[in-house]
Amino acid sequence: MRPRLVAIVGATATGKTALAIELARRLDGEIVNADSRQIYRGMDIGTAKPAAAEQALARHWLIDVADPDADFTLATFLELARAALADIWRRGKLPIVTGGTGQYVWALLEAWRVPRVPPDRALRAELEGRAGRDGAAVLVKELRRVDPVSAERIDAQNVRRIIRAIEVTRATGRPFSEWQQKDTPEFDAAMIGLRLGRDALYARIDARVDAFIAAGLVDEVRRLNAAGYGCDLPAMRSIGYREVCAHLRGEMTLAAAAARIKTETHRLARMQHTWFRDADERITWLDASSPDLQDRALAVASSGSTTE
């Protein structure tokens, strides 16, 4: 029999973590994190990382595996995630992949080929400087010249991904889009998608941001800064951290920072919908507010593959 896994996807604040833990408990599973920020040590509150008590309910992989100043690429994620899957299957347990980073999820489930190109710090600094002076459009134009396919696929505002595409293309002499080919997965996957209406989702997001502030997000950023992780690091430019950094620099009040975090998280949720589409027949979509969500998800997880 082919090995199998369950994947839980959807926008931020839809309850993926809680559902993953419940399914892990019921199905003798272990959770593989596919959130690109929960990998970082010390970034706990602002990433909605599962608390220690939650992690004690089911084994979690790929949480707290890198310091905030580490160069953690998609290739690194795939290497660690594939090793985790192999270990879980070897012991006869069920992997449950969950997270809102669409690139991570699909790269793993669709067996993308990803080059192991180390970051070129000088090139990144140069391109970031150009984007800072002239706007992201100048990098999109550069990418369109060397890799028009990637220029069409990548969000024009996602400067980091645009820079990475240019970086890989220059380093390998092949367009980034050519590297993003797919092999045939050697496993079956049942995919569960969680969704909420926009108003309900935004209300959840706003309440969670308020909870982050109350739980000490500002102090968390202070601790990270004191440990040597400055606000200029890519990890620290994540939503929540960059706004608190601006507050600590005196550029905005805490109330204004919280409002900005909410707005940016709403935008993130909209972007996540472009990765996980309602029309995607590989995903069984469930109402995240349904009182029988856990039972319905269990039925999907137990029924077999929804992807090939």
C-alpha atoms as a PDB file:
ATOM      1  CA  MET A   1       0.000   0.000   0.000  1.00  0.00           C
ATOM      2  CA  ARG A   2       1.142   3.550  -0.737  1.00  0.00           C
ATOM      3  CA  PRO A   3       1.757   5.703   2.314  1.00  0.00           C
ATOM      4  CA  ARG A   4      -0.803   8.424   2.940  1.00  0.00           C
ATOM      5  CA  LEU A   5      -1.144  11.696   4.749  1.00  0.00           C
ATOM      6  CA  VAL A   6      -3.798  14.229   5.661  1.00  0.00           C
ATOM      7  CA  ALA A   7      -3.355  17.934   4.872  1.00  0.00           C
ATOM      8  CA  ILE A   8      -5.357  20.704   6.556  1.00  0.00           C
ATOM      9  CA  VAL A   9      -5.271  24.010   4.687  1.00  0.00           C
ATOM     10  CA  GLY A  10      -7.037  27.349   4.598  1.00  0.00           C
ATOM     11  CA  ALA A  11      -6.645  30.963   5.582  1.00  0.00           C
ATOM     12  CA  THR A  12      -5.115  32.135   8.835  1.00  0.00           C
ATOM     13  CA  ALA A  13      -7.370  31.989  11.924  1.00  0.00           C
ATOM     14  CA  THR A  14      -9.681  29.284  10.537  1.00  0.00           C
ATOM     15  CA  GLY A  15      -8.686  26.792  13.249  1.00  0.00           C
ATOM     16  CA  LYS A  16      -6.236  24.533  11.408  1.00  0.00           C
ATOM     17  CA  THR A  17      -4.048  23.917  14.457  1.00  0.00           C
ATOM     18  CA  ALA A  18      -6.884  22.835  16.755  1.00  0.00           C
ATOM     19  CA  LEU A  19      -8.307  20.511  14.118  1.00  0.00           C
ATOM     20  CA  ALA A  20      -4.904  19.001  13.349  1.00  0.00           C
ATOM     21  CA  ILE A  21      -4.359  18.207  17.037  1.00  0.00           C
ATOM     22  CA  GLU A  22      -7.786  16.597  17.338  1.00  0.00           C
ATOM     23  CA  LEU A  23      -7.251  14.438  14.247  1.00  0.00           C
ATOM     24  CA  ALA A  24      -3.789  13.469  15.460  1.00  0.00           C
ATOM     25  CA  ARG A  25      -5.312  12.294  18.744  1.00  0.00           C
ATOM     26  CA  ARG A  26      -8.044  10.285  17.028  1.00  0.00           C
ATOM     27  CA  LEU A  27      -5.953   8.807  14.207  1.00  0.00           C
ATOM     28  CA  ASP A  28      -2.605   8.184  15.913  1.00  0.00           C
ATOM     29  CA  GLY A  29      -1.068  10.967  13.901  1.00  0.00           C
ATOM     30  CA  GLU A  30       1.795  13.408  14.105  1.00  0.00           C
ATOM     31  CA  ILE A  31       1.701  16.993  12.861  1.00  0.00           C
ATOM     32  CA  VAL A  32       4.079  18.410  10.255  1.00  0.00           C
ATOM     33  CA  ASN A  33       4.111  22.203  10.329  1.00  0.00           C
ATOM     34  CA  ALA A  34       3.808  24.019   6.992  1.00  0.00           C
ATOM     35  CA  ASP A  35       3.803  27.572   8.340  1.00  0.00           C
ATOM     36  CA  SER A  36       6.865  29.505   7.202  1.00  0.00           C
ATOM     37  CA  ARG A  37       7.108  31.525  10.435  1.00  0.00           C
ATOM     38  CA  GLN A  38       6.457  28.911  13.094  1.00  0.00           C
ATOM     39  CA  ILE A  39       9.804  27.346  12.172  1.00  0.00           C
ATOM     40  CA  TYR A  40      11.587  30.196  14.010  1.00  0.00           C
ATOM     41  CA  ARG A  41      12.591  29.933  17.661  1.00  0.00           C
ATOM     42  CA  GLY A  42      11.361  32.745  19.871  1.00  0.00           C
ATOM     43  CA  MET A  43       8.681  33.878  17.420  1.00  0.00           C
ATOM     44  CA  ASP A  44       5.771  32.390  19.324  1.00  0.00           C
ATOM     45  CA  ILE A  45       2.961  34.848  19.942  1.00  0.00           C
ATOM     46  CA  GLY A  46       2.958  36.662  16.608  1.00  0.00           C
ATOM     47  CA  THR A  47       2.995  33.418  14.621  1.00  0.00           C
ATOM     48  CA  ALA A  48       0.164  31.798  16.606  1.00  0.00           C
ATOM     49  CA  LYS A  49       2.546  28.919  17.311  1.00  0.00           C
ATOM     50  CA  PRO A  50       0.908  26.019  19.182  1.00  0.00           C
ATOM     51  CA  ALA A  51       1.508  26.459  22.900  1.00  0.00           C
ATOM     52  CA  ALA A  52       3.521  23.913  24.853  1.00  0.00           C
ATOM     53  CA  ALA A  53       0.323  22.377  26.209  1.00  0.00           C
ATOM     54  CA  GLU A  54      -1.018  21.941  22.671  1.00  0.00           C
ATOM     55  CA  GLN A  55       2.245  20.468  21.414  1.00  0.00           C
ATOM     56  CA  ALA A  56       2.112  17.983  24.276  1.00  0.00           C
ATOM     57  CA  LEU A  57      -1.140  16.552  22.880  1.00  0.00           C
ATOM     58  CA  ALA A  58       0.502  15.411  19.627  1.00  0.00           C
ATOM     59  CA  ARG A  59       4.031  15.311  18.309  1.00  0.00           C
ATOM     60  CA  HIS A  60       4.867  18.332  16.143  1.00  0.00           C
ATOM     61  CA  TRP A  61       7.552  18.527  13.480  1.00  0.00           C
ATOM     62  CA  LEU A  62       9.220  21.604  11.936  1.00  0.00           C
ATOM     63  CA  ILE A  63       8.439  23.956  14.802  1.00  0.00           C
ATOM     64  CA  ASP A  64      11.367  25.835  16.392  1.00  0.00           C
ATOM     65  CA  VAL A  65      13.911  24.412  13.933  1.00  0.00           C
ATOM     66  CA  ALA A  66      15.725  27.639  13.001  1.00  0.00           C
ATOM     67  CA  ASP A  67      16.847  30.905  14.558  1.00  0.00           C
ATOM     68  CA  PRO A  68      15.244  34.084  13.171  1.00  0.00           C
ATOM     69  CA  ASP A  69      18.446  35.034  11.331  1.00  0.00           C
ATOM     70  CA  ALA A  70      18.751  31.660   9.558  1.00  0.00           C
ATOM     71  CA  ASP A  71      18.527  31.335   5.782  1.00  0.00           C
ATOM     72  CA  PHE A  72      15.540  28.997   5.625  1.00  0.00           C
ATOM     73  CA  THR A  73      14.482  28.287   2.045  1.00  0.00           C
ATOM     74  CA  LEU A  74      11.766  26.233   0.393  1.00  0.00           C
ATOM     75  CA  ALA A  75      14.426  23.608  -0.358  1.00  0.00           C
ATOM     76  CA  THR A  76      15.285  23.452   3.352  1.00  0.00           C
ATOM     77  CA  PHE A  77      11.622  23.003   4.232  1.00  0.00           C
ATOM     78  CA  LEU A  78      11.188  20.188   1.728  1.00  0.00           C
ATOM     79  CA  GLU A  79      14.274  18.368   2.971  1.00  0.00           C
ATOM     80  CA  LEU A  80      13.086  18.499   6.589  1.00  0.00           C
ATOM     81  CA  ALA A  81       9.438  17.789   5.786  1.00  0.00           C
ATOM     82  CA  ARG A  82      10.223  14.780   3.612  1.00  0.00           C
ATOM     83  CA  ALA A  83      12.478  13.376   6.329  1.00  0.00           C
ATOM     84  CA  ALA A  84       9.673  13.881   8.859  1.00  0.00           C
ATOM     85  CA  LEU A  85       7.150  12.081   6.658  1.00  0.00           C
ATOM     86  CA  ALA A  86       9.511   9.137   6.182  1.00  0.00           C
ATOM     87  CA  ASP A  87      10.052   8.854   9.935  1.00  0.00           C
ATOM     88  CA  ILE A  88       6.345   9.037  10.728  1.00  0.00           C
ATOM     89  CA  TRP A  89       5.422   6.431   8.108  1.00  0.00           C
ATOM     90  CA  ARG A  90       8.251   4.138   9.225  1.00  0.00           C
ATOM     91  CA  ARG A  91       6.683   4.003  12.684  1.00  0.00           C
ATOM     92  CA  GLY A  92       3.219   3.283  11.298  1.00  0.00           C
ATOM     93  CA  LYS A  93       1.686   6.641  12.173  1.00  0.00           C
ATOM     94  CA  LEU A  94      -0.278   9.148  10.071  1.00  0.00           C
ATOM     95  CA  PRO A  95       1.313  12.473   9.067  1.00  0.00           C
ATOM     96  CA  ILE A  96      -0.987  15.477   9.294  1.00  0.00           C
ATOM     97  CA  VAL A  97       0.434  18.409   7.341  1.00  0.00           C
ATOM     98  CA  THR A  98      -1.002  21.769   8.295  1.00  0.00           C
ATOM     99  CA  GLY A  99      -0.209  25.423   7.726  1.00  0.00           C
ATOM    100  CA  GLY A 100      -1.200  28.454   5.737  1.00  0.00           C
ATOM    101  CA  THR A 101       1.955  28.817   3.621  1.00  0.00           C
ATOM    102  CA  GLY A 102       0.580  27.661   0.295  1.00  0.00           C
ATOM    103  CA  GLN A 103       3.969  27.390  -1.368  1.00  0.00           C
ATOM    104  CA  TYR A 104       5.175  25.000   1.342  1.00  0.00           C
ATOM    105  CA  VAL A 105       2.024  22.871   1.223  1.00  0.00           C
ATOM    106  CA  TRP A 106       1.879  22.458  -2.543  1.00  0.00           C
ATOM    107  CA  ALA A 107       5.622  21.983  -2.937  1.00  0.00           C
ATOM    108  CA  LEU A 108       5.383  19.038  -0.552  1.00  0.00           C
ATOM    109  CA  LEU A 109       2.134  17.531  -1.833  1.00  0.00           C
ATOM    110  CA  GLU A 110       2.968  17.983  -5.526  1.00  0.00           C
ATOM    111  CA  ALA A 111       6.614  16.854  -5.205  1.00  0.00           C
ATOM    112  CA  TRP A 112       8.140  20.035  -6.620  1.00  0.00           C
ATOM    113  CA  ARG A 113      11.747  19.996  -7.715  1.00  0.00           C
ATOM    114  CA  VAL A 114      13.440  22.861  -5.911  1.00  0.00           C
ATOM    115  CA  PRO A 115      17.104  23.834  -6.429  1.00  0.00           C
ATOM    116  CA  ARG A 116      19.376  24.096  -3.418  1.00  0.00           C
ATOM    117  CA  VAL A 117      20.723  27.532  -4.246  1.00  0.00           C
ATOM    118  CA  PRO A 118      22.190  29.260  -1.170  1.00  0.00           C
ATOM    119  CA  PRO A 119      21.178  32.876  -0.588  1.00  0.00           C
ATOM    120  CA  ASP A 120      23.359  35.484  -2.283  1.00  0.00           C
ATOM    121  CA  ARG A 121      23.378  38.218   0.345  1.00  0.00           C
ATOM    122  CA  ALA A 122      25.082  40.795  -1.858  1.00  0.00           C
ATOM    123  CA  LEU A 123      22.578  40.285  -4.661  1.00  0.00           C
ATOM    124  CA  ARG A 124      19.665  40.386  -2.251  1.00  0.00           C
ATOM    125  CA  ALA A 125      20.900  43.639  -0.732  1.00  0.00           C
ATOM    126  CA  GLU A 126      21.280  45.140  -4.197  1.00  0.00           C
ATOM    127  CA  LEU A 127      17.795  44.099  -5.323  1.00  0.00           C
ATOM    128  CA  GLU A 128      16.170  45.131  -2.047  1.00  0.00           C
ATOM    129  CA  GLY A 129      17.847  48.518  -2.398  1.00  0.00           C
ATOM    130  CA  ARG A 130      16.479  48.928  -5.904  1.00  0.00           C
ATOM    131  CA  ALA A 131      12.994  47.967  -4.735  1.00  0.00           C
ATOM    132  CA  GLY A 132      13.258  50.421  -1.848  1.00  0.00           C
ATOM    133  CA  ARG A 133      14.279  53.274  -4.148  1.00  0.00           C
ATOM    134  CA  ASP A 134      12.179  52.567  -7.225  1.00  0.00           C
ATOM    135  CA  GLY A 135       9.417  50.239  -6.077  1.00  0.00           C
ATOM    136  CA  ALA A 136       8.742  46.544  -6.610  1.00  0.00           C
ATOM    137  CA  ALA A 137       7.820  47.157 -10.258  1.00  0.00           C
ATOM    138  CA  VAL A 138      11.476  47.534 -11.206  1.00  0.00           C
ATOM    139  CA  LEU A 139      12.182  44.004  -9.959  1.00  0.00           C
ATOM    140  CA  VAL A 140       9.126  42.626 -11.725  1.00  0.00           C
ATOM    141  CA  LYS A 141      10.499  44.138 -14.941  1.00  0.00           C
ATOM    142  CA  GLU A 142      13.879  42.479 -14.326  1.00  0.00           C
ATOM    143  CA  LEU A 143      12.227  39.128 -13.625  1.00  0.00           C
ATOM    144  CA  ARG A 144      10.053  39.444 -16.719  1.00  0.00           C
ATOM    145  CA  ARG A 145      13.213  39.864 -18.792  1.00  0.00           C
ATOM    146  CA  VAL A 146      14.854  36.650 -17.542  1.00  0.00           C
ATOM    147  CA  ASP A 147      11.802  34.558 -16.615  1.00  0.00           C
ATOM    148  CA  PRO A 148       8.464  35.830 -17.946  1.00  0.00           C
ATOM    149  CA  VAL A 149       6.622  32.761 -16.645  1.00  0.00           C
ATOM    150  CA  SER A 150       7.616  33.446 -13.025  1.00  0.00           C
ATOM    151  CA  ALA A 151       6.871  37.150 -13.494  1.00  0.00           C
ATOM    152  CA  GLU A 152       3.281  36.228 -14.305  1.00  0.00           C
ATOM    153  CA  ARG A 153       2.933  33.706 -11.481  1.00  0.00           C
ATOM    154  CA  ILE A 154       4.435  35.649  -8.573  1.00  0.00           C
ATOM    155  CA  ASP A 155       2.469  38.360  -6.770  1.00  0.00           C
ATOM    156  CA  ALA A 156       3.974  41.666  -7.902  1.00  0.00           C
ATOM    157  CA  GLN A 157       4.065  42.867  -4.282  1.00  0.00           C
ATOM    158  CA  ASN A 158       5.899  39.803  -2.992  1.00  0.00           C
ATOM    159  CA  VAL A 159       9.391  41.288  -3.193  1.00  0.00           C
ATOM    160  CA  ARG A 160      11.058  38.368  -1.415  1.00  0.00           C
ATOM    161  CA  ARG A 161       9.759  35.791  -3.886  1.00  0.00           C
ATOM    162  CA  ILE A 162      10.644  37.997  -6.846  1.00  0.00           C
ATOM    163  CA  ILE A 163      14.184  38.375  -5.535  1.00  0.00           C
ATOM    164  CA  ARG A 164      14.456  34.627  -4.970  1.00  0.00           C
ATOM    165  CA  ALA A 165      13.337  33.929  -8.531  1.00  0.00           C
ATOM    166  CA  ILE A 166      15.974  36.307  -9.908  1.00  0.00           C
ATOM    167  CA  GLU A 167      18.588  34.844  -7.554  1.00  0.00           C
ATOM    168  CA  VAL A 168      17.962  31.233  -8.640  1.00  0.00           C
ATOM    169  CA  THR A 169      17.844  32.175 -12.304  1.00  0.00           C
ATOM    170  CA  ARG A 170      21.192  33.952 -12.119  1.00  0.00           C
ATOM    171  CA  ALA A 171      22.837  31.203 -10.051  1.00  0.00           C
ATOM    172  CA  THR A 172      21.742  28.282 -12.224  1.00  0.00           C
ATOM    173  CA  GLY A 173      21.463  29.853 -15.656  1.00  0.00           C
ATOM    174  CA  ARG A 174      17.955  28.412 -15.923  1.00  0.00           C
ATOM    175  CA  PRO A 175      14.666  30.269 -15.320  1.00  0.00           C
ATOM    176  CA  PHE A 176      13.236  29.809 -11.854  1.00  0.00           C
ATOM    177  CA  SER A 177      10.001  28.558 -13.436  1.00  0.00           C
ATOM    178  CA  GLU A 178      11.852  25.643 -15.043  1.00  0.00           C
ATOM    179  CA  TRP A 179      13.034  24.506 -11.643  1.00  0.00           C
ATOM    180  CA  GLN A 180       9.490  24.460 -10.346  1.00  0.00           C
ATOM    181  CA  GLN A 181       8.583  21.287 -12.172  1.00  0.00           C
ATOM    182  CA  LYS A 182       6.825  18.454 -10.402  1.00  0.00           C
ATOM    183  CA  ASP A 183       7.597  14.786  -9.882  1.00  0.00           C
ATOM    184  CA  THR A 184       4.940  12.171  -9.151  1.00  0.00           C
ATOM    185  CA  PRO A 185       4.234  11.992  -5.405  1.00  0.00           C
ATOM    186  CA  GLU A 186       4.900   8.594  -3.871  1.00  0.00           C
ATOM    187  CA  PHE A 187       2.023   8.955  -1.417  1.00  0.00           C
ATOM    188  CA  ASP A 188      -1.711   9.649  -1.323  1.00  0.00           C
ATOM    189  CA  ALA A 189      -3.144  12.706   0.384  1.00  0.00           C
ATOM    190  CA  ALA A 190      -6.559  13.586   1.764  1.00  0.00           C
ATOM    191  CA  MET A 191      -6.944  17.371   1.819  1.00  0.00           C
ATOM    192  CA  ILE A 192      -9.272  19.219   4.179  1.00  0.00           C
ATOM    193  CA  GLY A 193      -9.873  22.933   3.650  1.00  0.00           C
ATOM    194  CA  LEU A 194     -11.313  25.185   6.354  1.00  0.00           C
ATOM    195  CA  ARG A 195     -13.267  28.244   5.331  1.00  0.00           C
ATOM    196  CA  LEU A 196     -15.316  31.033   6.859  1.00  0.00           C
ATOM    197  CA  GLY A 197     -17.312  33.891   5.434  1.00  0.00           C
ATOM    198  CA  ARG A 198     -15.256  37.057   5.107  1.00  0.00           C
ATOM    199  CA  ASP A 199     -16.924  38.947   7.957  1.00  0.00           C
ATOM    200  CA  ALA A 200     -16.560  36.010  10.352  1.00  0.00           C
ATOM    201  CA  LEU A 201     -12.960  35.437   9.299  1.00  0.00           C
ATOM    202  CA  TYR A 202     -12.003  39.088   9.766  1.00  0.00           C
ATOM    203  CA  ALA A 203     -13.673  39.116  13.176  1.00  0.00           C
ATOM    204  CA  ARG A 204     -11.599  36.085  14.202  1.00  0.00           C
ATOM    205  CA  ILE A 205      -8.442  37.721  12.906  1.00  0.00           C
ATOM    206  CA  ASP A 206      -9.108  40.960  14.768  1.00  0.00           C
ATOM    207  CA  ALA A 207      -9.841  39.140  18.025  1.00  0.00           C
ATOM    208  CA  ARG A 208      -6.671  37.107  17.655  1.00  0.00           C
ATOM    209  CA  VAL A 209      -4.547  40.211  17.069  1.00  0.00           C
ATOM    210  CA  ASP A 210      -5.991  41.759  20.226  1.00  0.00           C
ATOM    211  CA  ALA A 211      -5.125  38.528  22.049  1.00  0.00           C
ATOM    212  CA  PHE A 212      -1.547  38.669  20.682  1.00  0.00           C
ATOM    213  CA  ILE A 213      -1.102  42.175  22.066  1.00  0.00           C
ATOM    214  CA  ALA A 214      -2.582  41.195  25.419  1.00  0.00           C
ATOM    215  CA  ALA A 215      -0.354  38.104  25.584  1.00  0.00           C
ATOM    216  CA  GLY A 216       2.811  40.179  25.251  1.00  0.00           C
ATOM    217  CA  LEU A 217       3.710  40.489  21.575  1.00  0.00           C
ATOM    218  CA  VAL A 218       5.520  43.766  22.217  1.00  0.00           C
ATOM    219  CA  ASP A 219       7.690  42.158  24.897  1.00  0.00           C
ATOM    220  CA  GLU A 220       8.353  39.213  22.575  1.00  0.00           C
ATOM    221  CA  VAL A 221       9.748  41.585  19.953  1.00  0.00           C
ATOM    222  CA  ARG A 222      11.824  43.344  22.602  1.00  0.00           C
ATOM    223  CA  ARG A 223      13.296  40.000  23.680  1.00  0.00           C
ATOM    224  CA  LEU A 224      14.138  39.078  20.110  1.00  0.00           C
ATOM    225  CA  ASN A 225      15.837  42.442  19.565  1.00  0.00           C
ATOM    226  CA  ALA A 226      17.786  42.059  22.816  1.00  0.00           C
ATOM    227  CA  ALA A 227      18.937  38.609  21.655  1.00  0.00           C
ATOM    228  CA  GLY A 228      20.435  40.165  18.528  1.00  0.00           C
ATOM    229  CA  TYR A 229      17.583  39.599  16.087  1.00  0.00           C
ATOM    230  CA  GLY A 230      17.064  43.023  14.608  1.00  0.00           C
ATOM    231  CA  CYS A 231      13.977  44.312  12.889  1.00  0.00           C
ATOM    232  CA  ASP A 232      15.818  44.332   9.550  1.00  0.00           C
ATOM    233  CA  LEU A 233      15.867  40.518   9.356  1.00  0.00           C
ATOM    234  CA  PRO A 234      13.457  38.975   6.817  1.00  0.00           C
ATOM    235  CA  ALA A 235      11.810  36.902   9.561  1.00  0.00           C
ATOM    236  CA  MET A 236      11.240  40.043  11.633  1.00  0.00           C
ATOM    237  CA  ARG A 237       9.508  41.720   8.710  1.00  0.00           C
ATOM    238  CA  SER A 238       6.647  39.273   9.068  1.00  0.00           C
ATOM    239  CA  ILE A 239       3.185  40.620   9.791  1.00  0.00           C
ATOM    240  CA  GLY A 240       2.919  41.547  13.449  1.00  0.00           C
ATOM    241  CA  TYR A 241       6.646  41.854  14.015  1.00  0.00           C
ATOM    242  CA  ARG A 242       7.287  44.668  11.554  1.00  0.00           C
ATOM    243  CA  GLU A 243       4.405  46.729  12.939  1.00  0.00           C
ATOM    244  CA  VAL A 244       5.558  46.245  16.529  1.00  0.00           C
ATOM    245  CA  CYS A 245       9.079  47.170  15.434  1.00  0.00           C
ATOM    246  CA  ALA A 246       7.686  50.399  14.026  1.00  0.00           C
ATOM    247  CA  HIS A 247       5.916  51.034  17.324  1.00  0.00           C
ATOM    248  CA  LEU A 248       9.113  50.441  19.284  1.00  0.00           C
ATOM    249  CA  ARG A 249      10.919  52.917  17.027  1.00  0.00           C
ATOM    250  CA  GLY A 250       8.284  55.498  17.947  1.00  0.00           C
ATOM    251  CA  GLU A 251       6.777  55.588  14.467  1.00  0.00           C
ATOM    252  CA  MET A 252       3.245  54.643  15.546  1.00  0.00           C
ATOM    253  CA  THR A 253       1.202  54.088  18.662  1.00  0.00           C
ATOM    254  CA  LEU A 254       0.478  50.564  19.831  1.00  0.00           C
ATOM    255  CA  ALA A 255      -3.166  51.034  18.848  1.00  0.00           C
ATOM    256  CA  ALA A 256      -2.111  52.055  15.343  1.00  0.00           C
ATOM    257  CA  ALA A 257       0.256  49.075  15.143  1.00  0.00           C
ATOM    258  CA  ALA A 258      -2.543  46.705  16.145  1.00  0.00           C
ATOM    259  CA  ALA A 259      -4.856  48.220  13.538  1.00  0.00           C
ATOM    260  CA  ARG A 260      -2.155  47.812  10.876  1.00  0.00           C
ATOM    261  CA  ILE A 261      -1.580  44.180  11.876  1.00  0.00           C
ATOM    262  CA  LYS A 262      -5.291  43.494  11.451  1.00  0.00           C
ATOM    263  CA  THR A 263      -5.391  45.122   8.012  1.00  0.00           C
ATOM    264  CA  GLU A 264      -2.297  43.269   6.821  1.00  0.00           C
ATOM    265  CA  THR A 265      -3.601  39.962   8.149  1.00  0.00           C
ATOM    266  CA  HIS A 266      -6.864  40.498   6.262  1.00  0.00           C
ATOM    267  CA  ARG A 267      -4.753  40.965   3.146  1.00  0.00           C
ATOM    268  CA  LEU A 268      -2.778  37.822   3.930  1.00  0.00           C
ATOM    269  CA  ALA A 269      -6.009  35.840   4.209  1.00  0.00           C
ATOM    270  CA  ARG A 270      -7.058  37.051   0.768  1.00  0.00           C
ATOM    271  CA  MET A 271      -3.691  36.001  -0.650  1.00  0.00           C
ATOM    272  CA  GLN A 272      -4.008  32.565   0.950  1.00  0.00           C
ATOM    273  CA  HIS A 273      -7.256  32.080  -0.947  1.00  0.00           C
ATOM    274  CA  THR A 274      -5.255  32.305  -4.177  1.00  0.00           C
ATOM    275  CA  TRP A 275      -3.231  29.269  -3.061  1.00  0.00           C
ATOM    276  CA  PHE A 276      -6.212  27.274  -1.791  1.00  0.00           C
ATOM    277  CA  ARG A 277      -9.128  27.835  -4.147  1.00  0.00           C
ATOM    278  CA  ASP A 278     -12.728  26.841  -3.523  1.00  0.00           C
ATOM    279  CA  ALA A 279     -12.899  25.266  -6.990  1.00  0.00           C
ATOM    280  CA  ASP A 280      -9.920  22.973  -6.373  1.00  0.00           C
ATOM    281  CA  GLU A 281     -11.456  19.498  -6.456  1.00  0.00           C
ATOM    282  CA  ARG A 282      -8.535  18.043  -4.531  1.00  0.00           C
ATOM    283  CA  ILE A 283      -9.690  19.884  -1.408  1.00  0.00           C
ATOM    284  CA  THR A 284     -12.767  18.931   0.625  1.00  0.00           C
ATOM    285  CA  TRP A 285     -13.945  22.247   2.041  1.00  0.00           C
ATOM    286  CA  LEU A 286     -15.587  22.353   5.459  1.00  0.00           C
ATOM    287  CA  ASP A 287     -17.237  25.200   7.360  1.00  0.00           C
ATOM    288  CA  ALA A 288     -14.777  26.090  10.131  1.00  0.00           C
ATOM    289  CA  SER A 289     -17.642  27.230  12.373  1.00  0.00           C
ATOM    290  CA  SER A 290     -19.693  24.038  12.010  1.00  0.00           C
ATOM    291  CA  PRO A 291     -20.479  22.322  15.330  1.00  0.00           C
ATOM    292  CA  ASP A 292     -19.741  18.921  13.747  1.00  0.00           C
ATOM    293  CA  LEU A 293     -16.481  20.044  12.117  1.00  0.00           C
ATOM    294  CA  GLN A 294     -14.325  17.473  13.900  1.00  0.00           C
ATOM    295  CA  ASP A 295     -16.541  14.530  12.943  1.00  0.00           C
ATOM    296  CA  ARG A 296     -16.804  15.663   9.325  1.00  0.00           C
ATOM    297  CA  ALA A 297     -13.042  16.173   9.109  1.00  0.00           C
ATOM    298  CA  LEU A 298     -12.482  12.731  10.630  1.00  0.00           C
ATOM    299  CA  ALA A 299     -14.667  11.205   7.930  1.00  0.00           C
ATOM    300  CA  VAL A 300     -12.636  12.914   5.188  1.00  0.00           C
ATOM    301  CA  ALA A 301      -9.325  11.982   6.798  1.00  0.00           C
ATOM    302  CA  SER A 302     -10.395   8.358   7.120  1.00  0.00           C
ATOM    303  CA  SER A 303     -11.905   8.000   3.652  1.00  0.00           C
ATOM    304  CA  GLY A 304      -8.706   7.941   1.593  1.00  0.00           C
ATOM    305  CA  SER A 305      -6.986  10.070  -1.017  1.00  0.00           C
ATOM    306  CA  THR A 306      -8.391  13.228  -2.571  1.00  0.00           C
ATOM    307  CA  THR A 307      -5.233  13.943  -4.604  1.00  0.00           C
ATOM    308  CA  GLU A 308      -3.294  11.981  -7.171  1.00  0.00           C
END
